N, C-alpha and C. Protein backbone atom coordinates (compact mmCIF):
# COMPACT_ATOMS: atom_id res chain seq x y z
N MET A 1 120.89 33.47 91.61
CA MET A 1 121.68 33.69 92.83
C MET A 1 121.27 32.71 93.93
N ARG A 2 119.97 32.55 94.14
CA ARG A 2 119.47 31.64 95.16
C ARG A 2 119.83 30.20 94.83
N ASP A 3 119.75 29.82 93.54
CA ASP A 3 120.11 28.46 93.14
C ASP A 3 121.60 28.20 93.39
N ASP A 4 122.45 29.21 93.11
CA ASP A 4 123.88 29.07 93.35
C ASP A 4 124.16 28.90 94.84
N LEU A 5 123.44 29.66 95.65
CA LEU A 5 123.62 29.56 97.10
C LEU A 5 123.19 28.19 97.60
N ASN A 6 122.06 27.70 97.13
CA ASN A 6 121.59 26.38 97.54
C ASN A 6 122.58 25.28 97.16
N GLN A 7 123.15 25.41 95.97
CA GLN A 7 124.13 24.43 95.50
C GLN A 7 125.37 24.46 96.39
N LEU A 8 125.81 25.66 96.75
CA LEU A 8 126.98 25.81 97.62
C LEU A 8 126.71 25.25 99.00
N MET A 9 125.49 25.46 99.51
CA MET A 9 125.17 25.11 100.88
C MET A 9 124.76 23.66 101.07
N GLN A 10 124.35 22.97 100.03
CA GLN A 10 123.82 21.62 100.21
C GLN A 10 124.77 20.67 100.93
N PRO A 11 126.08 20.67 100.57
CA PRO A 11 127.00 19.79 101.32
C PRO A 11 127.08 20.15 102.80
N VAL A 12 126.94 21.44 103.12
CA VAL A 12 126.95 21.88 104.51
C VAL A 12 125.72 21.37 105.24
N TYR A 13 124.54 21.53 104.62
CA TYR A 13 123.30 21.04 105.22
C TYR A 13 123.34 19.52 105.41
N ASP A 14 123.92 18.82 104.45
CA ASP A 14 124.02 17.36 104.54
C ASP A 14 124.93 16.94 105.68
N PHE A 15 125.95 17.72 105.94
CA PHE A 15 126.95 17.40 106.96
C PHE A 15 126.41 17.65 108.37
N LEU A 16 125.70 18.77 108.53
CA LEU A 16 125.18 19.14 109.84
C LEU A 16 123.93 18.32 110.18
N GLY A 17 123.67 18.18 111.48
CA GLY A 17 122.51 17.40 111.91
C GLY A 17 121.22 18.20 111.95
N CYS A 18 121.31 19.52 111.83
CA CYS A 18 120.12 20.37 111.88
C CYS A 18 120.47 21.74 111.33
N GLN A 19 119.43 22.55 111.08
CA GLN A 19 119.64 23.94 110.71
C GLN A 19 119.29 24.84 111.90
N THR A 20 119.74 26.06 111.83
CA THR A 20 119.55 27.01 112.93
C THR A 20 118.08 27.27 113.20
N PRO A 21 117.64 27.18 114.46
CA PRO A 21 116.24 27.46 114.80
C PRO A 21 115.88 28.93 114.51
N GLN A 22 114.62 29.15 114.18
CA GLN A 22 114.15 30.50 113.91
C GLN A 22 114.31 31.39 115.14
N ALA A 23 114.17 30.82 116.32
CA ALA A 23 114.30 31.61 117.56
C ALA A 23 115.68 32.23 117.67
N TRP A 24 116.71 31.50 117.23
CA TRP A 24 118.07 32.07 117.28
C TRP A 24 118.19 33.22 116.28
N LEU A 25 117.62 33.06 115.09
CA LEU A 25 117.68 34.11 114.08
C LEU A 25 116.94 35.36 114.55
N ASN A 26 115.82 35.17 115.24
CA ASN A 26 115.10 36.32 115.79
C ASN A 26 115.96 37.06 116.82
N ALA A 27 116.65 36.29 117.67
CA ALA A 27 117.51 36.89 118.68
C ALA A 27 118.69 37.61 118.02
N ALA A 28 119.20 37.05 116.93
CA ALA A 28 120.33 37.67 116.23
C ALA A 28 119.96 39.04 115.69
N GLN A 29 118.75 39.16 115.15
CA GLN A 29 118.30 40.45 114.63
C GLN A 29 118.23 41.51 115.72
N GLU A 30 117.95 41.07 116.94
CA GLU A 30 117.83 41.99 118.07
C GLU A 30 119.16 42.24 118.77
N ASN A 31 120.19 41.47 118.41
CA ASN A 31 121.49 41.58 119.11
C ASN A 31 122.64 41.61 118.11
N LEU A 32 122.51 42.44 117.08
CA LEU A 32 123.51 42.45 116.02
C LEU A 32 124.89 42.87 116.51
N GLU A 33 124.95 43.83 117.42
CA GLU A 33 126.25 44.27 117.92
C GLU A 33 126.96 43.15 118.67
N LEU A 34 126.23 42.46 119.52
CA LEU A 34 126.80 41.33 120.25
C LEU A 34 127.20 40.22 119.28
N LEU A 35 126.38 40.00 118.27
CA LEU A 35 126.68 38.98 117.26
C LEU A 35 127.99 39.29 116.55
N MET A 36 128.18 40.55 116.16
CA MET A 36 129.39 40.93 115.44
C MET A 36 130.61 40.83 116.35
N GLN A 37 130.46 41.21 117.61
CA GLN A 37 131.56 41.11 118.55
C GLN A 37 132.01 39.66 118.73
N ASP A 38 131.02 38.78 118.93
CA ASP A 38 131.37 37.37 119.11
C ASP A 38 131.89 36.76 117.82
N HIS A 39 131.36 37.22 116.70
CA HIS A 39 131.87 36.76 115.40
C HIS A 39 133.35 37.08 115.28
N ALA A 40 133.73 38.31 115.66
CA ALA A 40 135.15 38.69 115.62
C ALA A 40 135.97 37.75 116.49
N ASN A 41 135.48 37.49 117.69
CA ASN A 41 136.19 36.56 118.58
C ASN A 41 136.35 35.19 117.96
N CYS A 42 135.30 34.71 117.29
CA CYS A 42 135.33 33.38 116.66
C CYS A 42 136.41 33.31 115.57
N GLU A 43 136.52 34.38 114.78
CA GLU A 43 137.54 34.40 113.72
C GLU A 43 138.94 34.36 114.34
N LYS A 44 139.15 35.12 115.40
CA LYS A 44 140.46 35.13 116.06
C LYS A 44 140.77 33.78 116.69
N LYS A 45 139.78 33.18 117.33
CA LYS A 45 139.99 31.86 117.95
C LYS A 45 140.27 30.80 116.90
N ALA A 46 139.60 30.89 115.77
CA ALA A 46 139.82 29.92 114.69
C ALA A 46 141.26 29.99 114.19
N ALA A 47 141.77 31.22 114.05
CA ALA A 47 143.17 31.39 113.64
C ALA A 47 144.11 30.83 114.70
N GLY A 48 143.80 31.09 115.97
CA GLY A 48 144.63 30.58 117.06
C GLY A 48 144.65 29.07 117.13
N THR A 49 143.49 28.46 116.91
CA THR A 49 143.41 27.00 116.92
C THR A 49 144.26 26.40 115.82
N ALA A 50 144.15 26.95 114.62
CA ALA A 50 144.94 26.45 113.49
C ALA A 50 146.43 26.62 113.75
N MET A 51 146.81 27.76 114.33
CA MET A 51 148.22 28.01 114.63
C MET A 51 148.74 27.01 115.67
N ASN A 52 147.96 26.77 116.69
CA ASN A 52 148.37 25.80 117.73
C ASN A 52 148.57 24.40 117.14
N LEU A 53 147.69 24.02 116.23
CA LEU A 53 147.82 22.71 115.59
C LEU A 53 149.09 22.63 114.74
N MET A 54 149.46 23.74 114.11
CA MET A 54 150.67 23.77 113.31
C MET A 54 151.89 23.48 114.17
N PHE A 55 151.94 24.06 115.36
CA PHE A 55 153.09 23.85 116.25
C PHE A 55 153.06 22.46 116.88
N ARG A 56 151.88 22.00 117.26
CA ARG A 56 151.78 20.72 117.96
C ARG A 56 152.02 19.53 117.05
N TYR A 57 151.59 19.67 115.79
CA TYR A 57 151.69 18.54 114.86
C TYR A 57 152.55 18.93 113.66
N SER A 58 153.74 19.44 113.92
CA SER A 58 154.60 19.95 112.86
C SER A 58 155.12 18.85 111.93
N PHE A 59 155.00 17.58 112.35
CA PHE A 59 155.51 16.48 111.53
C PHE A 59 154.55 16.08 110.42
N PHE A 60 153.30 16.63 110.42
CA PHE A 60 152.36 16.37 109.32
C PHE A 60 152.50 17.50 108.30
N THR A 61 153.23 17.25 107.21
CA THR A 61 153.53 18.30 106.24
C THR A 61 152.27 18.87 105.59
N ASP A 62 151.38 18.01 105.13
CA ASP A 62 150.16 18.48 104.49
C ASP A 62 149.33 19.34 105.44
N LEU A 63 149.34 18.96 106.70
CA LEU A 63 148.61 19.71 107.73
C LEU A 63 149.15 21.14 107.81
N GLN A 64 150.48 21.29 107.74
CA GLN A 64 151.11 22.60 107.87
C GLN A 64 150.63 23.56 106.78
N VAL A 65 150.60 23.08 105.55
CA VAL A 65 150.24 23.95 104.42
C VAL A 65 148.79 24.41 104.53
N LYS A 66 147.87 23.48 104.76
CA LYS A 66 146.45 23.81 104.85
C LYS A 66 146.17 24.74 106.03
N LEU A 67 146.79 24.44 107.18
CA LEU A 67 146.54 25.25 108.37
C LEU A 67 147.12 26.65 108.22
N ALA A 68 148.26 26.78 107.54
CA ALA A 68 148.83 28.10 107.30
C ALA A 68 147.86 28.96 106.47
N GLN A 69 147.23 28.33 105.48
CA GLN A 69 146.24 29.04 104.67
C GLN A 69 145.04 29.46 105.52
N LEU A 70 144.61 28.56 106.41
CA LEU A 70 143.48 28.86 107.29
C LEU A 70 143.80 30.02 108.22
N VAL A 71 145.00 30.03 108.79
CA VAL A 71 145.39 31.11 109.69
C VAL A 71 145.30 32.46 108.98
N ARG A 72 145.83 32.52 107.75
CA ARG A 72 145.80 33.78 107.01
C ARG A 72 144.37 34.24 106.74
N GLU A 73 143.52 33.30 106.33
CA GLU A 73 142.14 33.68 106.00
C GLU A 73 141.36 34.10 107.24
N GLU A 74 141.53 33.35 108.33
CA GLU A 74 140.78 33.68 109.56
C GLU A 74 141.21 35.03 110.10
N MET A 75 142.50 35.34 110.06
CA MET A 75 142.96 36.64 110.56
C MET A 75 142.49 37.77 109.65
N LEU A 76 142.42 37.51 108.35
CA LEU A 76 141.87 38.51 107.44
C LEU A 76 140.41 38.79 107.79
N HIS A 77 139.64 37.74 108.04
CA HIS A 77 138.24 37.92 108.40
C HIS A 77 138.11 38.66 109.73
N TYR A 78 138.99 38.37 110.66
CA TYR A 78 138.98 39.07 111.95
C TYR A 78 139.17 40.57 111.73
N GLU A 79 140.15 40.92 110.91
CA GLU A 79 140.40 42.33 110.62
C GLU A 79 139.19 42.97 109.93
N GLN A 80 138.57 42.23 109.02
CA GLN A 80 137.42 42.76 108.29
C GLN A 80 136.24 43.03 109.23
N VAL A 81 135.99 42.12 110.17
CA VAL A 81 134.89 42.32 111.10
C VAL A 81 135.18 43.52 112.00
N LEU A 82 136.43 43.66 112.44
CA LEU A 82 136.79 44.83 113.26
C LEU A 82 136.57 46.13 112.47
N GLU A 83 136.92 46.11 111.20
CA GLU A 83 136.70 47.29 110.35
C GLU A 83 135.21 47.58 110.21
N PHE A 84 134.41 46.54 110.06
CA PHE A 84 132.96 46.68 109.97
C PHE A 84 132.42 47.34 111.23
N MET A 85 132.89 46.86 112.37
CA MET A 85 132.44 47.39 113.65
C MET A 85 132.82 48.86 113.80
N ALA A 86 134.06 49.18 113.44
CA ALA A 86 134.53 50.56 113.55
C ALA A 86 133.74 51.49 112.64
N LYS A 87 133.45 51.01 111.44
CA LYS A 87 132.67 51.79 110.48
C LYS A 87 131.29 52.12 111.03
N ARG A 88 130.75 51.22 111.84
CA ARG A 88 129.41 51.40 112.41
C ARG A 88 129.44 52.04 113.80
N GLY A 89 130.63 52.49 114.19
CA GLY A 89 130.75 53.15 115.48
C GLY A 89 130.66 52.23 116.67
N GLN A 90 130.95 50.96 116.45
CA GLN A 90 130.85 49.97 117.52
C GLN A 90 132.22 49.72 118.14
N GLN A 91 132.31 49.88 119.44
CA GLN A 91 133.56 49.67 120.15
C GLN A 91 133.78 48.18 120.42
N TRP A 92 135.06 47.76 120.37
CA TRP A 92 135.38 46.38 120.71
C TRP A 92 135.24 46.18 122.20
N LYS A 93 134.54 45.13 122.59
CA LYS A 93 134.36 44.82 124.01
C LYS A 93 134.64 43.34 124.24
N ALA A 94 135.12 43.04 125.43
CA ALA A 94 135.36 41.64 125.77
C ALA A 94 134.02 40.93 125.94
N VAL A 95 133.91 39.75 125.36
CA VAL A 95 132.69 38.95 125.45
C VAL A 95 133.07 37.55 125.91
N SER A 96 132.41 37.05 126.93
CA SER A 96 132.72 35.72 127.43
C SER A 96 132.32 34.66 126.40
N ALA A 97 132.99 33.53 126.47
CA ALA A 97 132.69 32.45 125.53
C ALA A 97 131.40 31.74 125.92
N GLY A 98 130.68 31.23 124.92
CA GLY A 98 129.51 30.41 125.17
C GLY A 98 129.93 28.97 125.42
N ARG A 99 128.95 28.08 125.45
CA ARG A 99 129.22 26.68 125.79
C ARG A 99 129.68 25.85 124.60
N TYR A 100 129.43 26.33 123.39
CA TYR A 100 129.56 25.53 122.18
C TYR A 100 130.93 24.85 122.04
N ALA A 101 131.99 25.64 121.98
CA ALA A 101 133.32 25.08 121.72
C ALA A 101 133.78 24.19 122.87
N SER A 102 133.55 24.62 124.09
CA SER A 102 134.02 23.85 125.25
C SER A 102 133.32 22.50 125.33
N GLU A 103 132.03 22.46 125.00
CA GLU A 103 131.30 21.19 125.03
C GLU A 103 131.77 20.27 123.91
N LEU A 104 132.06 20.81 122.75
CA LEU A 104 132.58 19.99 121.66
C LEU A 104 133.96 19.43 122.01
N ARG A 105 134.78 20.23 122.67
CA ARG A 105 136.12 19.77 123.02
C ARG A 105 136.10 18.60 124.00
N LYS A 106 135.03 18.47 124.76
CA LYS A 106 134.91 17.34 125.68
C LYS A 106 134.87 16.00 124.96
N GLU A 107 134.56 16.03 123.67
CA GLU A 107 134.47 14.80 122.88
C GLU A 107 135.82 14.35 122.33
N ILE A 108 136.87 15.15 122.52
CA ILE A 108 138.18 14.79 121.98
C ILE A 108 138.80 13.67 122.82
N ARG A 109 139.18 12.61 122.15
CA ARG A 109 139.80 11.49 122.85
C ARG A 109 141.20 11.88 123.34
N THR A 110 141.73 11.17 124.30
CA THR A 110 142.96 11.58 124.99
C THR A 110 144.22 10.91 124.46
N TYR A 111 144.12 10.18 123.35
CA TYR A 111 145.29 9.48 122.82
C TYR A 111 145.38 9.77 121.32
N GLU A 112 146.61 9.68 120.81
CA GLU A 112 146.87 9.99 119.41
C GLU A 112 146.95 8.72 118.57
N PRO A 113 146.61 8.79 117.26
CA PRO A 113 146.23 9.99 116.50
C PRO A 113 144.75 10.34 116.60
N GLU A 114 144.00 9.58 117.42
CA GLU A 114 142.56 9.80 117.52
C GLU A 114 142.22 11.21 117.99
N ALA A 115 143.05 11.75 118.89
CA ALA A 115 142.79 13.11 119.40
C ALA A 115 142.84 14.13 118.26
N LEU A 116 143.87 14.02 117.42
CA LEU A 116 143.99 14.95 116.29
C LEU A 116 142.83 14.78 115.32
N VAL A 117 142.45 13.55 115.04
CA VAL A 117 141.30 13.30 114.16
C VAL A 117 140.05 13.98 114.71
N ASP A 118 139.82 13.85 116.01
CA ASP A 118 138.64 14.47 116.62
C ASP A 118 138.70 15.99 116.53
N VAL A 119 139.88 16.57 116.79
CA VAL A 119 140.04 18.02 116.71
C VAL A 119 139.70 18.52 115.31
N LEU A 120 140.16 17.80 114.30
CA LEU A 120 139.91 18.21 112.92
C LEU A 120 138.44 18.05 112.55
N ILE A 121 137.80 16.98 112.99
CA ILE A 121 136.38 16.79 112.71
C ILE A 121 135.55 17.88 113.41
N ILE A 122 135.90 18.18 114.65
CA ILE A 122 135.20 19.27 115.36
C ILE A 122 135.41 20.58 114.63
N GLY A 123 136.63 20.82 114.13
CA GLY A 123 136.89 22.02 113.34
C GLY A 123 135.98 22.09 112.12
N ALA A 124 135.74 20.95 111.51
CA ALA A 124 134.84 20.91 110.35
C ALA A 124 133.43 21.31 110.74
N PHE A 125 132.96 20.83 111.90
CA PHE A 125 131.61 21.19 112.33
C PHE A 125 131.50 22.67 112.69
N VAL A 126 132.52 23.21 113.32
CA VAL A 126 132.49 24.64 113.67
C VAL A 126 132.41 25.48 112.40
N GLU A 127 133.23 25.15 111.41
CA GLU A 127 133.23 25.90 110.16
C GLU A 127 131.92 25.73 109.40
N ALA A 128 131.39 24.50 109.40
CA ALA A 128 130.13 24.25 108.71
C ALA A 128 128.98 25.01 109.38
N ARG A 129 128.96 25.04 110.71
CA ARG A 129 127.91 25.77 111.41
C ARG A 129 128.03 27.27 111.14
N SER A 130 129.25 27.78 111.12
CA SER A 130 129.44 29.19 110.80
C SER A 130 128.88 29.49 109.41
N CYS A 131 129.20 28.63 108.48
CA CYS A 131 128.72 28.79 107.10
C CYS A 131 127.20 28.78 107.06
N GLU A 132 126.60 27.83 107.74
CA GLU A 132 125.14 27.71 107.76
C GLU A 132 124.49 28.95 108.36
N ARG A 133 125.11 29.50 109.38
CA ARG A 133 124.53 30.70 110.02
C ARG A 133 124.71 31.94 109.15
N PHE A 134 125.83 32.05 108.47
CA PHE A 134 125.99 33.18 107.55
C PHE A 134 124.90 33.13 106.46
N ALA A 135 124.64 31.95 105.96
CA ALA A 135 123.61 31.81 104.91
C ALA A 135 122.23 32.17 105.45
N ALA A 136 121.94 31.75 106.69
CA ALA A 136 120.63 32.04 107.28
C ALA A 136 120.48 33.51 107.65
N LEU A 137 121.59 34.14 108.04
CA LEU A 137 121.55 35.54 108.45
C LEU A 137 121.51 36.51 107.27
N SER A 138 122.14 36.14 106.18
CA SER A 138 122.35 37.09 105.08
C SER A 138 121.07 37.75 104.56
N PRO A 139 119.91 37.04 104.50
CA PRO A 139 118.71 37.72 103.99
C PRO A 139 117.94 38.51 105.04
N ILE A 140 118.33 38.41 106.32
CA ILE A 140 117.53 39.06 107.36
C ILE A 140 118.24 40.23 108.04
N VAL A 141 119.51 40.48 107.66
CA VAL A 141 120.22 41.64 108.17
C VAL A 141 120.25 42.71 107.08
N ASP A 142 120.84 43.87 107.36
CA ASP A 142 120.90 44.93 106.35
C ASP A 142 121.74 44.47 105.16
N GLU A 143 121.55 45.13 104.04
CA GLU A 143 122.15 44.70 102.77
C GLU A 143 123.67 44.64 102.84
N GLU A 144 124.29 45.64 103.46
CA GLU A 144 125.75 45.67 103.54
C GLU A 144 126.30 44.47 104.31
N LEU A 145 125.69 44.20 105.46
CA LEU A 145 126.13 43.07 106.27
C LEU A 145 125.79 41.75 105.60
N GLY A 146 124.61 41.68 104.98
CA GLY A 146 124.22 40.47 104.27
C GLY A 146 125.18 40.13 103.14
N LYS A 147 125.63 41.13 102.43
CA LYS A 147 126.60 40.91 101.35
C LYS A 147 127.90 40.37 101.90
N TYR A 148 128.33 40.88 103.04
CA TYR A 148 129.57 40.39 103.66
C TYR A 148 129.42 38.94 104.12
N TYR A 149 128.28 38.62 104.70
CA TYR A 149 128.05 37.24 105.14
C TYR A 149 128.03 36.28 103.96
N ARG A 150 127.48 36.70 102.84
CA ARG A 150 127.48 35.84 101.66
C ARG A 150 128.90 35.62 101.15
N TYR A 151 129.72 36.65 101.27
CA TYR A 151 131.14 36.52 100.90
C TYR A 151 131.83 35.53 101.83
N LEU A 152 131.56 35.62 103.13
CA LEU A 152 132.23 34.76 104.10
C LEU A 152 131.84 33.30 103.97
N LEU A 153 130.57 33.04 103.69
CA LEU A 153 130.13 31.63 103.70
C LEU A 153 130.83 30.81 102.61
N LYS A 154 131.32 31.46 101.57
CA LYS A 154 132.03 30.72 100.53
C LYS A 154 133.34 30.15 101.06
N SER A 155 134.06 30.97 101.83
CA SER A 155 135.32 30.47 102.39
C SER A 155 135.07 29.49 103.52
N GLU A 156 134.04 29.74 104.33
CA GLU A 156 133.74 28.83 105.44
C GLU A 156 133.34 27.44 104.92
N SER A 157 132.63 27.41 103.81
CA SER A 157 132.24 26.11 103.24
C SER A 157 133.48 25.35 102.77
N ARG A 158 134.46 26.06 102.28
CA ARG A 158 135.71 25.41 101.88
C ARG A 158 136.51 24.95 103.10
N HIS A 159 136.48 25.74 104.17
CA HIS A 159 137.22 25.39 105.38
C HIS A 159 136.72 24.08 105.99
N PHE A 160 135.41 23.89 106.00
CA PHE A 160 134.87 22.67 106.60
C PHE A 160 135.34 21.44 105.81
N GLU A 161 135.39 21.58 104.50
CA GLU A 161 135.85 20.48 103.66
C GLU A 161 137.35 20.24 103.84
N ASP A 162 138.12 21.32 104.05
CA ASP A 162 139.55 21.20 104.30
C ASP A 162 139.81 20.42 105.59
N TYR A 163 139.08 20.75 106.64
CA TYR A 163 139.25 20.05 107.92
C TYR A 163 138.91 18.57 107.78
N LEU A 164 137.85 18.26 107.07
CA LEU A 164 137.48 16.86 106.87
C LEU A 164 138.55 16.11 106.08
N ALA A 165 139.07 16.74 105.04
CA ALA A 165 140.11 16.12 104.23
C ALA A 165 141.35 15.86 105.08
N LEU A 166 141.70 16.80 105.94
CA LEU A 166 142.86 16.63 106.81
C LEU A 166 142.64 15.48 107.79
N ALA A 167 141.44 15.38 108.34
CA ALA A 167 141.13 14.28 109.26
C ALA A 167 141.31 12.94 108.57
N LYS A 168 140.85 12.84 107.34
CA LYS A 168 140.98 11.59 106.58
C LYS A 168 142.44 11.30 106.25
N ASP A 169 143.21 12.34 105.91
CA ASP A 169 144.63 12.16 105.61
C ASP A 169 145.39 11.67 106.84
N VAL A 170 145.09 12.27 107.99
CA VAL A 170 145.76 11.88 109.24
C VAL A 170 145.45 10.42 109.57
N ALA A 171 144.17 10.06 109.46
CA ALA A 171 143.76 8.69 109.78
C ALA A 171 144.46 7.69 108.86
N THR A 172 144.62 8.05 107.60
CA THR A 172 145.28 7.15 106.64
C THR A 172 146.78 7.11 106.87
N THR A 173 147.41 8.28 107.06
CA THR A 173 148.85 8.36 107.27
C THR A 173 149.27 7.63 108.54
N ALA A 174 148.45 7.77 109.58
CA ALA A 174 148.76 7.13 110.86
C ALA A 174 148.41 5.64 110.86
N LYS A 175 147.89 5.16 109.74
CA LYS A 175 147.53 3.75 109.56
C LYS A 175 146.57 3.26 110.64
N MET A 176 145.55 4.09 110.88
CA MET A 176 144.50 3.67 111.78
C MET A 176 143.73 2.52 111.15
N LYS A 177 143.20 1.64 111.96
CA LYS A 177 142.44 0.51 111.47
C LYS A 177 141.11 1.01 110.88
N ASN A 178 140.83 0.62 109.65
CA ASN A 178 139.61 1.03 108.96
C ASN A 178 139.39 2.55 109.04
N PRO A 179 140.30 3.35 108.48
CA PRO A 179 140.22 4.82 108.63
C PRO A 179 138.91 5.44 108.15
N GLU A 180 138.36 4.95 107.04
CA GLU A 180 137.11 5.53 106.54
C GLU A 180 135.96 5.27 107.51
N GLU A 181 135.89 4.06 108.02
CA GLU A 181 134.85 3.72 109.00
C GLU A 181 135.03 4.51 110.28
N GLU A 182 136.28 4.67 110.70
CA GLU A 182 136.59 5.44 111.91
C GLU A 182 136.11 6.89 111.77
N ILE A 183 136.41 7.50 110.63
CA ILE A 183 136.01 8.89 110.38
C ILE A 183 134.49 9.01 110.38
N GLU A 184 133.82 8.11 109.70
CA GLU A 184 132.36 8.18 109.62
C GLU A 184 131.71 8.02 110.99
N ASN A 185 132.25 7.12 111.78
CA ASN A 185 131.71 6.92 113.14
C ASN A 185 131.87 8.16 114.00
N ARG A 186 133.04 8.80 113.88
CA ARG A 186 133.27 10.01 114.69
C ARG A 186 132.42 11.17 114.18
N ILE A 187 132.23 11.25 112.88
CA ILE A 187 131.36 12.30 112.33
C ILE A 187 129.94 12.13 112.86
N GLU A 188 129.43 10.91 112.84
CA GLU A 188 128.07 10.66 113.33
C GLU A 188 127.93 11.01 114.80
N HIS A 189 128.94 10.65 115.59
CA HIS A 189 128.89 10.94 117.02
C HIS A 189 128.93 12.44 117.29
N ILE A 190 129.89 13.12 116.70
CA ILE A 190 130.04 14.57 116.96
C ILE A 190 128.89 15.35 116.34
N GLN A 191 128.34 14.87 115.24
CA GLN A 191 127.17 15.51 114.64
C GLN A 191 126.01 15.55 115.64
N GLU A 192 125.80 14.47 116.35
CA GLU A 192 124.71 14.42 117.33
C GLU A 192 124.96 15.38 118.49
N VAL A 193 126.19 15.44 118.95
CA VAL A 193 126.54 16.36 120.03
C VAL A 193 126.33 17.81 119.58
N GLU A 194 126.81 18.12 118.38
CA GLU A 194 126.69 19.48 117.86
C GLU A 194 125.24 19.86 117.65
N LYS A 195 124.44 18.94 117.13
CA LYS A 195 123.02 19.21 116.91
C LYS A 195 122.32 19.54 118.23
N ASN A 196 122.62 18.78 119.26
CA ASN A 196 122.00 19.04 120.56
C ASN A 196 122.39 20.40 121.11
N LEU A 197 123.63 20.81 120.90
CA LEU A 197 124.08 22.13 121.37
C LEU A 197 123.33 23.26 120.66
N ILE A 198 122.96 23.03 119.40
CA ILE A 198 122.24 24.04 118.63
C ILE A 198 120.75 24.07 118.99
N LEU A 199 120.17 22.92 119.25
CA LEU A 199 118.72 22.84 119.47
C LEU A 199 118.31 22.98 120.93
N MET A 200 119.21 22.65 121.85
CA MET A 200 118.86 22.73 123.27
C MET A 200 118.79 24.19 123.73
N PRO A 201 117.96 24.47 124.75
CA PRO A 201 117.87 25.84 125.28
C PRO A 201 119.22 26.35 125.76
N ASP A 202 119.47 27.62 125.51
CA ASP A 202 120.75 28.24 125.86
C ASP A 202 120.47 29.62 126.42
N SER A 203 120.96 29.88 127.62
CA SER A 203 120.69 31.17 128.27
C SER A 203 121.64 32.28 127.83
N VAL A 204 122.70 31.91 127.08
CA VAL A 204 123.69 32.88 126.63
C VAL A 204 123.66 32.98 125.11
N PHE A 205 123.43 34.19 124.58
CA PHE A 205 123.39 34.35 123.12
C PHE A 205 124.81 34.61 122.60
N ARG A 206 125.22 33.77 121.66
CA ARG A 206 126.51 33.92 120.99
C ARG A 206 126.36 33.46 119.54
N PHE A 207 127.42 33.62 118.77
CA PHE A 207 127.33 33.27 117.35
C PHE A 207 127.02 31.78 117.16
N HIS A 208 127.52 30.94 118.05
CA HIS A 208 127.28 29.50 117.94
C HIS A 208 126.37 28.98 119.06
N SER A 209 125.60 29.84 119.66
CA SER A 209 124.77 29.40 120.80
C SER A 209 123.55 28.60 120.34
N GLY A 210 122.89 27.99 121.33
CA GLY A 210 121.72 27.19 121.06
C GLY A 210 120.44 28.02 121.02
N THR A 211 119.31 27.36 121.19
CA THR A 211 118.02 28.04 121.12
C THR A 211 117.86 28.98 122.32
N PRO A 212 117.62 30.26 122.06
CA PRO A 212 117.54 31.22 123.17
C PRO A 212 116.38 30.93 124.11
N VAL A 213 116.60 31.22 125.39
CA VAL A 213 115.53 31.07 126.39
C VAL A 213 115.29 32.41 127.06
């Protein structure tokens, strides 16, 4: 089981610039209700992001199919987390967003098709980080929740690869100059930004927050 998990996770670890600090995992164990609430929000936001891209970039046919699949899966996960919360007697509460997504969005260029490429690469990092955190959390939470996180990380690992494939397709279809080099350069840049968000001190605990202070 552990070997299968390591094999599944290796591409995720290779893609990300760092793994989750132990301090964040310690905080997660102490704030499971908040973690689940923000996790639910993340699933809903992920579905909303994919839906918005479908409407904004309706002329990319391949994008439509992949994003439609993502919307269905993210909304299913949202429903599942809400059911988990209800089963545990946890009420849904509004939770403010952390810095993670807004800081990553600052890296999106303002012209097309580069803007879309950046959005898709950022989507890949968000999904990869979610996957990495599910893997790190699964052995330290209760068995029922750990089993669910192991189930989720399989789809999240596929989502990150889907976003990367879409970014490469867009760059090629739009006939960007040196599309492979362009993608690699943006991955390296956004990887560094994402790594800093995870490792830098963060006063707000959320599913994608940085090192707790």
